């Protein structure tokens, strides 16, 4: 597979949206990471929008941007309450969803294909529609 093609026959960039990603070791991170790296190895252009903390450590602060094995990673900040209390989780998910939606709105191109992963509540709010991105002149 050389990547997904748009109806016009152009190569589409695949954007995965998941709260956790490599080097995190949570289940959704592992699945998203495996998929992203496999797509990149097959020749697809792959980008990931994810959070800056890890599942086990809400105080972790991973780099905001990096490229790992051909995958462009953009990490968004958010609240850091952690998983200890439900209200903290709600704020953490909402702040991630807001940040991820902002990044997608600013960087997605018309031919990109976004694929939300992870929690269904986040997936409904982020990347549920095909990215429109800014029009190129």
N, C-alpha and C. Protein backbone atom coordinates (compact mmCIF):
# COMPACT_ATOMS: atom_id res chain seq x y z
N UNK A 1 0.84 -1.18 0.00
CA UNK A 1 0.00 0.00 0.00
C UNK A 1 0.89 1.24 0.00
N UNK A 2 0.68 2.09 -0.95
CA UNK A 2 1.47 3.31 -1.02
C UNK A 2 0.75 4.47 -0.34
N UNK A 3 -0.38 4.24 0.26
CA UNK A 3 -1.13 5.30 0.91
C UNK A 3 -2.53 5.39 0.34
N UNK A 4 -3.40 6.07 1.04
CA UNK A 4 -4.78 6.22 0.60
C UNK A 4 -4.87 7.26 -0.50
N UNK A 5 -5.71 6.99 -1.50
CA UNK A 5 -5.90 7.93 -2.59
C UNK A 5 -7.23 8.66 -2.42
N UNK A 6 -7.24 9.92 -2.78
CA UNK A 6 -8.46 10.72 -2.78
C UNK A 6 -9.24 10.40 -4.05
N UNK A 7 -10.50 10.84 -4.14
CA UNK A 7 -11.26 10.62 -5.38
C UNK A 7 -10.57 11.20 -6.61
N UNK A 8 -9.75 12.23 -6.41
CA UNK A 8 -9.02 12.84 -7.53
C UNK A 8 -7.76 12.04 -7.88
N UNK A 9 -7.47 10.98 -7.16
CA UNK A 9 -6.30 10.18 -7.42
C UNK A 9 -5.03 10.67 -6.75
N UNK A 10 -5.14 11.63 -5.85
CA UNK A 10 -3.96 12.15 -5.13
C UNK A 10 -3.73 11.33 -3.87
N UNK A 11 -2.48 11.33 -3.44
CA UNK A 11 -2.13 10.64 -2.21
C UNK A 11 -2.64 11.44 -1.01
N UNK A 12 -3.37 10.81 -0.12
CA UNK A 12 -3.91 11.48 1.07
C UNK A 12 -2.98 11.27 2.25
N UNK A 13 -2.85 12.29 3.08
CA UNK A 13 -2.13 12.13 4.33
C UNK A 13 -3.11 11.55 5.34
N UNK A 14 -2.65 10.58 6.10
CA UNK A 14 -3.47 9.96 7.14
C UNK A 14 -3.12 10.64 8.45
N UNK A 15 -4.15 11.13 9.15
CA UNK A 15 -3.94 11.77 10.46
C UNK A 15 -4.65 10.93 11.51
N UNK A 16 -3.89 10.40 12.45
CA UNK A 16 -4.48 9.66 13.57
C UNK A 16 -4.60 10.61 14.75
N UNK A 17 -5.74 10.56 15.40
CA UNK A 17 -5.98 11.39 16.59
C UNK A 17 -6.21 10.44 17.76
N UNK A 18 -5.32 10.48 18.72
CA UNK A 18 -5.44 9.62 19.90
C UNK A 18 -4.76 10.34 21.07
N UNK A 19 -5.36 10.29 22.22
CA UNK A 19 -4.82 11.02 23.36
C UNK A 19 -3.41 10.57 23.75
N UNK A 20 -3.12 9.29 23.56
CA UNK A 20 -1.80 8.76 23.91
C UNK A 20 -1.15 8.15 22.67
N UNK A 21 0.16 8.29 22.57
CA UNK A 21 0.91 7.77 21.43
C UNK A 21 2.33 7.47 21.89
N UNK A 22 3.09 6.80 21.05
CA UNK A 22 4.49 6.48 21.33
C UNK A 22 5.21 7.68 21.96
N UNK A 23 5.94 7.53 23.02
CA UNK A 23 6.46 6.31 23.64
C UNK A 23 5.58 5.75 24.76
N UNK A 24 4.36 6.24 24.88
CA UNK A 24 3.45 5.74 25.91
C UNK A 24 3.17 4.25 25.67
N UNK A 25 2.81 3.52 26.75
CA UNK A 25 2.59 2.08 26.63
C UNK A 25 1.15 1.65 26.90
N UNK A 26 0.20 2.59 26.92
CA UNK A 26 -1.20 2.20 27.13
C UNK A 26 -1.70 1.45 25.91
N UNK A 27 -2.82 0.74 26.06
CA UNK A 27 -3.34 -0.09 24.97
C UNK A 27 -3.66 0.73 23.72
N UNK A 28 -4.36 1.86 23.87
CA UNK A 28 -4.69 2.65 22.68
C UNK A 28 -3.44 3.26 22.06
N UNK A 29 -2.47 3.60 22.88
CA UNK A 29 -1.22 4.12 22.36
C UNK A 29 -0.50 3.06 21.52
N UNK A 30 -0.45 1.85 22.03
CA UNK A 30 0.20 0.76 21.30
C UNK A 30 -0.47 0.51 19.96
N UNK A 31 -1.82 0.49 19.94
CA UNK A 31 -2.53 0.25 18.68
C UNK A 31 -2.32 1.39 17.70
N UNK A 32 -2.43 2.62 18.16
CA UNK A 32 -2.23 3.78 17.28
C UNK A 32 -0.80 3.84 16.78
N UNK A 33 0.15 3.57 17.66
CA UNK A 33 1.56 3.61 17.27
C UNK A 33 1.87 2.53 16.23
N UNK A 34 1.41 1.31 16.48
CA UNK A 34 1.64 0.22 15.53
C UNK A 34 1.06 0.55 14.16
N UNK A 35 -0.16 1.08 14.13
CA UNK A 35 -0.81 1.44 12.87
C UNK A 35 -0.04 2.56 12.16
N UNK A 36 0.30 3.61 12.89
CA UNK A 36 0.99 4.76 12.29
C UNK A 36 2.34 4.35 11.71
N UNK A 37 3.12 3.58 12.46
CA UNK A 37 4.44 3.19 11.99
C UNK A 37 4.35 2.22 10.81
N UNK A 38 3.35 1.33 10.81
CA UNK A 38 3.17 0.41 9.68
C UNK A 38 2.78 1.18 8.42
N UNK A 39 1.88 2.14 8.55
CA UNK A 39 1.49 2.96 7.40
C UNK A 39 2.69 3.75 6.86
N UNK A 40 3.48 4.32 7.75
CA UNK A 40 4.65 5.08 7.32
C UNK A 40 5.66 4.18 6.61
N UNK A 41 5.86 2.97 7.12
CA UNK A 41 6.79 2.03 6.47
C UNK A 41 6.30 1.65 5.07
N UNK A 42 4.97 1.65 4.88
CA UNK A 42 4.42 1.28 3.56
C UNK A 42 4.46 2.44 2.58
N UNK A 43 4.90 3.61 3.03
CA UNK A 43 5.03 4.74 2.13
C UNK A 43 4.00 5.83 2.30
N UNK A 44 3.05 5.65 3.20
CA UNK A 44 2.03 6.67 3.42
C UNK A 44 2.59 7.84 4.21
N UNK A 45 2.05 9.01 3.96
CA UNK A 45 2.38 10.19 4.77
C UNK A 45 1.46 10.13 5.99
N UNK A 46 2.05 10.07 7.18
CA UNK A 46 1.28 9.87 8.41
C UNK A 46 1.60 10.98 9.40
N UNK A 47 0.54 11.52 9.98
CA UNK A 47 0.67 12.50 11.05
C UNK A 47 -0.18 12.03 12.22
N UNK A 48 0.23 12.39 13.42
CA UNK A 48 -0.51 12.02 14.63
C UNK A 48 -0.73 13.27 15.46
N UNK A 49 -1.95 13.43 15.95
CA UNK A 49 -2.27 14.48 16.92
C UNK A 49 -2.56 13.77 18.23
N UNK A 50 -1.79 14.10 19.25
CA UNK A 50 -1.87 13.38 20.52
C UNK A 50 -1.59 14.33 21.68
N UNK A 51 -1.67 13.83 22.90
CA UNK A 51 -1.40 14.63 24.08
C UNK A 51 0.08 14.61 24.46
N UNK A 52 0.46 15.49 25.36
CA UNK A 52 1.87 15.58 25.78
C UNK A 52 2.16 14.74 27.02
N UNK A 53 1.15 14.19 27.68
CA UNK A 53 1.40 13.41 28.88
C UNK A 53 1.28 11.92 28.57
N UNK A 54 1.68 11.09 29.52
CA UNK A 54 1.54 9.65 29.36
C UNK A 54 0.38 9.16 30.23
N UNK A 55 -0.08 7.98 29.92
CA UNK A 55 -1.22 7.41 30.64
C UNK A 55 -0.92 7.27 32.13
N UNK A 56 0.27 6.82 32.45
CA UNK A 56 0.64 6.58 33.85
C UNK A 56 1.11 7.83 34.58
N UNK A 57 1.54 8.86 33.83
CA UNK A 57 2.14 10.03 34.47
C UNK A 57 1.58 11.33 33.89
N UNK A 58 0.53 11.88 34.51
CA UNK A 58 -0.05 13.11 33.98
C UNK A 58 0.88 14.32 34.08
N UNK A 59 1.96 14.20 34.86
CA UNK A 59 2.90 15.32 34.95
C UNK A 59 3.98 15.26 33.86
N UNK A 60 4.01 14.16 33.10
CA UNK A 60 4.99 14.04 32.00
C UNK A 60 4.73 15.14 30.97
N UNK A 61 5.79 15.57 30.33
CA UNK A 61 5.68 16.62 29.32
C UNK A 61 6.52 16.20 28.12
N UNK A 62 5.89 15.45 27.22
CA UNK A 62 6.57 14.98 26.01
C UNK A 62 6.75 16.15 25.05
N UNK A 63 7.68 16.04 24.10
CA UNK A 63 7.92 17.15 23.15
C UNK A 63 6.66 17.52 22.37
N UNK A 64 6.48 18.80 22.11
CA UNK A 64 5.30 19.28 21.39
C UNK A 64 5.29 18.79 19.94
N UNK A 65 6.46 18.68 19.34
CA UNK A 65 6.57 18.21 17.96
C UNK A 65 7.80 17.33 17.81
N UNK A 66 7.64 16.26 17.05
CA UNK A 66 8.79 15.44 16.70
C UNK A 66 8.39 14.52 15.56
N UNK A 67 9.38 13.95 14.91
CA UNK A 67 9.14 12.94 13.88
C UNK A 67 9.87 11.68 14.31
N UNK A 68 9.13 10.58 14.35
CA UNK A 68 9.70 9.30 14.77
C UNK A 68 9.38 8.28 13.68
N UNK A 69 10.39 7.67 13.12
CA UNK A 69 10.24 6.63 12.10
C UNK A 69 9.28 7.04 10.98
N UNK A 70 9.38 8.27 10.53
CA UNK A 70 8.57 8.76 9.42
C UNK A 70 7.19 9.26 9.78
N UNK A 71 6.85 9.27 11.06
CA UNK A 71 5.54 9.75 11.51
C UNK A 71 5.71 11.12 12.16
N UNK A 72 5.01 12.12 11.62
CA UNK A 72 5.05 13.47 12.19
C UNK A 72 4.09 13.52 13.37
N UNK A 73 4.62 13.80 14.55
CA UNK A 73 3.82 13.80 15.78
C UNK A 73 3.65 15.22 16.26
N UNK A 74 2.40 15.61 16.51
CA UNK A 74 2.09 16.93 17.07
C UNK A 74 1.35 16.68 18.38
N UNK A 75 1.94 17.10 19.48
CA UNK A 75 1.33 16.88 20.80
C UNK A 75 0.73 18.17 21.32
N UNK A 76 -0.49 18.07 21.81
CA UNK A 76 -1.18 19.25 22.33
C UNK A 76 -1.18 19.22 23.85
N UNK A 77 -1.13 20.38 24.44
CA UNK A 77 -1.19 20.49 25.90
C UNK A 77 -2.62 20.32 26.39
N UNK A 78 -2.75 20.27 27.66
CA UNK A 78 -4.08 20.14 28.25
C UNK A 78 -3.97 20.11 29.76
N UNK A 79 -5.11 19.94 30.41
CA UNK A 79 -5.09 19.87 31.86
C UNK A 79 -4.39 18.58 32.29
N UNK A 80 -3.94 18.54 33.55
CA UNK A 80 -3.13 17.41 34.04
C UNK A 80 -3.66 16.87 35.36
N UNK A 81 -4.96 16.66 35.42
CA UNK A 81 -5.53 16.15 36.67
C UNK A 81 -5.25 14.67 36.87
N UNK A 82 -5.13 13.92 35.78
CA UNK A 82 -4.86 12.49 35.89
C UNK A 82 -6.12 11.68 36.02
N UNK A 83 -5.95 10.38 36.24
CA UNK A 83 -7.07 9.45 36.26
C UNK A 83 -7.65 9.22 37.65
N UNK A 84 -7.17 9.91 38.66
CA UNK A 84 -7.58 9.66 40.03
C UNK A 84 -9.04 9.94 40.33
N UNK A 85 -9.60 10.96 39.70
CA UNK A 85 -11.00 11.33 39.96
C UNK A 85 -11.72 11.58 38.65
N UNK A 86 -13.00 11.28 38.63
CA UNK A 86 -13.79 11.41 37.40
C UNK A 86 -13.79 12.83 36.86
N UNK A 87 -13.95 13.81 37.74
CA UNK A 87 -13.99 15.19 37.27
C UNK A 87 -12.67 15.60 36.61
N UNK A 88 -11.56 15.10 37.14
CA UNK A 88 -10.26 15.37 36.53
C UNK A 88 -10.14 14.75 35.16
N UNK A 89 -10.64 13.53 35.02
CA UNK A 89 -10.63 12.86 33.72
C UNK A 89 -11.44 13.64 32.70
N UNK A 90 -12.60 14.13 33.12
CA UNK A 90 -13.46 14.90 32.22
C UNK A 90 -12.72 16.13 31.71
N UNK A 91 -12.08 16.86 32.60
CA UNK A 91 -11.33 18.05 32.19
C UNK A 91 -10.15 17.68 31.28
N UNK A 92 -9.46 16.59 31.62
CA UNK A 92 -8.33 16.16 30.79
C UNK A 92 -8.79 15.81 29.37
N UNK A 93 -9.85 15.02 29.26
CA UNK A 93 -10.34 14.65 27.93
C UNK A 93 -10.86 15.86 27.16
N UNK A 94 -11.58 16.72 27.84
CA UNK A 94 -12.13 17.91 27.17
C UNK A 94 -11.01 18.83 26.69
N UNK A 95 -9.99 19.02 27.50
CA UNK A 95 -8.89 19.90 27.09
C UNK A 95 -8.10 19.28 25.94
N UNK A 96 -7.94 17.95 25.94
CA UNK A 96 -7.28 17.31 24.81
C UNK A 96 -8.12 17.46 23.55
N UNK A 97 -9.42 17.19 23.65
CA UNK A 97 -10.30 17.29 22.48
C UNK A 97 -10.28 18.69 21.89
N UNK A 98 -10.28 19.70 22.75
CA UNK A 98 -10.23 21.09 22.28
C UNK A 98 -8.92 21.38 21.56
N UNK A 99 -7.82 20.98 22.18
CA UNK A 99 -6.51 21.20 21.57
C UNK A 99 -6.34 20.45 20.26
N UNK A 100 -6.80 19.21 20.20
CA UNK A 100 -6.68 18.41 18.98
C UNK A 100 -7.54 19.00 17.87
N UNK A 101 -8.75 19.45 18.20
CA UNK A 101 -9.62 20.08 17.20
C UNK A 101 -8.96 21.34 16.65
N UNK A 102 -8.32 22.11 17.51
CA UNK A 102 -7.62 23.33 17.08
C UNK A 102 -6.48 22.99 16.12
N UNK A 103 -5.68 21.99 16.47
CA UNK A 103 -4.57 21.60 15.59
C UNK A 103 -5.10 21.12 14.24
N UNK A 104 -6.13 20.30 14.25
CA UNK A 104 -6.70 19.82 12.99
C UNK A 104 -7.23 20.97 12.14
N UNK A 105 -7.91 21.90 12.78
CA UNK A 105 -8.47 23.04 12.04
C UNK A 105 -7.38 23.88 11.40
N UNK A 106 -6.24 23.97 12.07
CA UNK A 106 -5.14 24.81 11.57
C UNK A 106 -4.21 24.10 10.58
N UNK A 107 -4.15 22.77 10.62
CA UNK A 107 -3.13 22.09 9.81
C UNK A 107 -3.68 21.11 8.78
N UNK A 108 -4.90 20.64 8.93
CA UNK A 108 -5.43 19.63 8.02
C UNK A 108 -5.65 20.22 6.63
N UNK A 109 -5.30 19.41 5.63
CA UNK A 109 -5.51 19.81 4.25
C UNK A 109 -6.77 19.13 3.73
N UNK A 110 -7.30 19.65 2.66
CA UNK A 110 -8.56 19.15 2.11
C UNK A 110 -8.51 17.64 1.80
N UNK A 111 -7.40 17.15 1.32
CA UNK A 111 -7.33 15.74 0.93
C UNK A 111 -6.94 14.80 2.08
N UNK A 112 -6.66 15.33 3.25
CA UNK A 112 -6.28 14.50 4.40
C UNK A 112 -7.44 13.64 4.87
N UNK A 113 -7.08 12.54 5.51
CA UNK A 113 -8.08 11.65 6.11
C UNK A 113 -7.75 11.50 7.59
N UNK A 114 -8.62 12.02 8.45
CA UNK A 114 -8.40 11.93 9.90
C UNK A 114 -9.10 10.70 10.45
N UNK A 115 -8.43 10.01 11.37
CA UNK A 115 -8.98 8.81 11.99
C UNK A 115 -8.86 8.93 13.49
N UNK A 116 -9.97 9.31 14.18
CA UNK A 116 -9.90 9.38 15.64
C UNK A 116 -9.83 7.99 16.24
N UNK A 117 -9.03 7.84 17.28
CA UNK A 117 -8.86 6.58 17.99
C UNK A 117 -9.12 6.81 19.47
N UNK A 118 -9.31 5.75 20.22
CA UNK A 118 -9.42 5.89 21.67
C UNK A 118 -10.84 6.07 22.14
N UNK A 119 -10.99 6.90 23.15
CA UNK A 119 -12.28 7.08 23.80
C UNK A 119 -13.33 7.57 22.81
N UNK A 120 -14.51 6.91 22.76
CA UNK A 120 -15.56 7.34 21.84
C UNK A 120 -16.00 8.79 22.04
N UNK A 121 -16.03 9.27 23.28
CA UNK A 121 -16.46 10.64 23.51
C UNK A 121 -15.50 11.63 22.86
N UNK A 122 -14.21 11.32 22.86
CA UNK A 122 -13.23 12.18 22.21
C UNK A 122 -13.35 12.03 20.70
N UNK A 123 -13.55 10.80 20.24
CA UNK A 123 -13.64 10.55 18.80
C UNK A 123 -14.83 11.29 18.18
N UNK A 124 -15.93 11.38 18.89
CA UNK A 124 -17.09 12.09 18.34
C UNK A 124 -16.81 13.56 18.16
N UNK A 125 -16.02 14.12 19.06
CA UNK A 125 -15.80 15.56 19.00
C UNK A 125 -14.60 15.99 18.17
N UNK A 126 -13.70 15.07 17.90
CA UNK A 126 -12.46 15.44 17.21
C UNK A 126 -12.29 14.56 15.98
N UNK A 127 -12.20 15.18 14.84
CA UNK A 127 -11.88 14.45 13.62
C UNK A 127 -12.99 13.56 13.12
N UNK A 128 -14.19 13.73 13.62
CA UNK A 128 -15.29 12.88 13.18
C UNK A 128 -15.64 13.15 11.72
N UNK A 129 -15.43 14.35 11.25
CA UNK A 129 -15.66 14.70 9.86
C UNK A 129 -14.34 14.78 9.12
N UNK A 130 -14.42 14.67 7.82
CA UNK A 130 -13.22 14.83 7.01
C UNK A 130 -12.65 16.22 7.20
N UNK A 131 -11.36 16.34 7.44
CA UNK A 131 -10.78 17.66 7.63
C UNK A 131 -10.98 18.53 6.40
N UNK A 132 -11.29 19.76 6.62
CA UNK A 132 -11.46 20.69 5.51
C UNK A 132 -10.19 21.48 5.28
N UNK A 133 -9.56 21.88 6.36
CA UNK A 133 -8.32 22.65 6.25
C UNK A 133 -8.54 23.99 5.56
N UNK A 134 -7.46 24.69 5.42
CA UNK A 134 -7.52 25.99 4.76
C UNK A 134 -7.41 25.79 3.26
N UNK A 135 -8.08 26.63 2.51
CA UNK A 135 -7.97 26.55 1.06
C UNK A 135 -6.61 27.08 0.63
N UNK A 136 -6.05 26.39 -0.32
CA UNK A 136 -4.76 26.84 -0.86
C UNK A 136 -5.03 27.74 -2.04
N UNK A 137 -4.23 28.79 -2.14
CA UNK A 137 -4.42 29.72 -3.24
C UNK A 137 -3.40 29.51 -4.30
